[in-house]
Structure formats: structure tokens, C-alpha cells
């Protein structure tokens, strides 16, 4: 039971890492858009 619980926790942690990595990628894209607009406007 302990081993199964650990496996479940590891799987949940892996999914959380994937979700956070995906979220971080979207946040990075969202942050780049206004920066690109400002760069284009100043150029």
C-alpha cells in the first residue's frame, strides 16, 4: 500500500510538473507579445 501510495504521489507530481511547464510556456508567450509590440513601436 505504501509503494502504491508513493507511485500515486510521483504520478501526481509528474502531472503537476507537466502542467506547470505548460503554464509557464503560455505565460512566457503572453509576456513576449507586449514586449514585441513595444519593441516594434519603439523601432
C-alpha atoms as a PDB file:
ATOM      1  CA  UNK A   1       0.000   0.000   0.000  1.00  0.00           C
ATOM      2  CA  UNK A   2       2.888   2.332   0.833  1.00  0.00           C
ATOM      3  CA  UNK A   3       4.563   1.617  -2.518  1.00  0.00           C
ATOM      4  CA  UNK A   4       1.306   2.243  -4.395  1.00  0.00           C
ATOM      5  CA  UNK A   5       0.795   5.491  -2.490  1.00  0.00           C
ATOM      6  CA  UNK A   6       4.305   6.610  -3.379  1.00  0.00           C
ATOM      7  CA  UNK A   7       3.722   5.744  -7.040  1.00  0.00           C
ATOM      8  CA  UNK A   8       0.491   7.753  -6.993  1.00  0.00           C
ATOM      9  CA  UNK A   9       2.263  10.719  -5.426  1.00  0.00           C
ATOM     10  CA  UNK A  10       5.045  10.501  -8.027  1.00  0.00           C
ATOM     11  CA  UNK A  11       2.492  10.330 -10.854  1.00  0.00           C
ATOM     12  CA  UNK A  12       0.583  13.303  -9.430  1.00  0.00           C
ATOM     13  CA  UNK A  13       3.844  15.224  -9.059  1.00  0.00           C
ATOM     14  CA  UNK A  14       4.793  14.412 -12.650  1.00  0.00           C
ATOM     15  CA  UNK A  15       1.442  15.657 -13.922  1.00  0.00           C
ATOM     16  CA  UNK A  16       1.822  18.808 -11.830  1.00  0.00           C
ATOM     17  CA  UNK A  17       5.288  19.434 -13.297  1.00  0.00           C
ATOM     18  CA  UNK A  18       3.928  18.972 -16.835  1.00  0.00           C
ATOM     19  CA  UNK A  19       1.007  21.300 -16.111  1.00  0.00           C
ATOM     20  CA  UNK A  20       3.306  23.939 -14.608  1.00  0.00           C
ATOM     21  CA  UNK A  21       5.726  23.634 -17.545  1.00  0.00           C
ATOM     22  CA  UNK A  22       2.828  24.110 -19.985  1.00  0.00           C
ATOM     23  CA  UNK A  23       1.504  27.053 -17.964  1.00  0.00           C
ATOM     24  CA  UNK A  24       4.972  28.602 -17.860  1.00  0.00           C
ATOM     25  CA  UNK A  25       5.263  28.272 -21.638  1.00  0.00           C
ATOM     26  CA  UNK A  26       1.946  30.104 -22.129  1.00  0.00           C
ATOM     27  CA  UNK A  27       2.899  32.804 -19.610  1.00  0.00           C
ATOM     28  CA  UNK A  28       6.191  33.281 -21.444  1.00  0.00           C
ATOM     29  CA  UNK A  29       4.349  33.678 -24.760  1.00  0.00           C
ATOM     30  CA  UNK A  30       1.888  36.123 -23.186  1.00  0.00           C
ATOM     31  CA  UNK A  31       4.784  38.126 -21.748  1.00  0.00           C
ATOM     32  CA  UNK A  32       6.604  38.180 -25.107  1.00  0.00           C
ATOM     33  CA  UNK A  33       3.645  39.630 -27.038  1.00  0.00           C
ATOM     34  CA  UNK A  34       3.558  43.072 -25.337  1.00  0.00           C
ATOM     35  CA  UNK A  35       7.368  43.167 -25.331  1.00  0.00           C
ATOM     36  CA  UNK A  36       7.363  42.545 -29.091  1.00  0.00           C
ATOM     37  CA  UNK A  37       4.700  45.237 -29.620  1.00  0.00           C
ATOM     38  CA  UNK A  38       6.681  47.755 -27.569  1.00  0.00           C
ATOM     39  CA  UNK A  39       9.865  46.835 -29.437  1.00  0.00           C
ATOM     40  CA  UNK A  40       8.138  47.259 -32.805  1.00  0.00           C
ATOM     41  CA  UNK A  41       6.642  50.570 -31.688  1.00  0.00           C
ATOM     42  CA  UNK A  42       9.993  51.947 -30.458  1.00  0.00           C
ATOM     43  CA  UNK A  43      11.905  50.745 -33.539  1.00  0.00           C
END
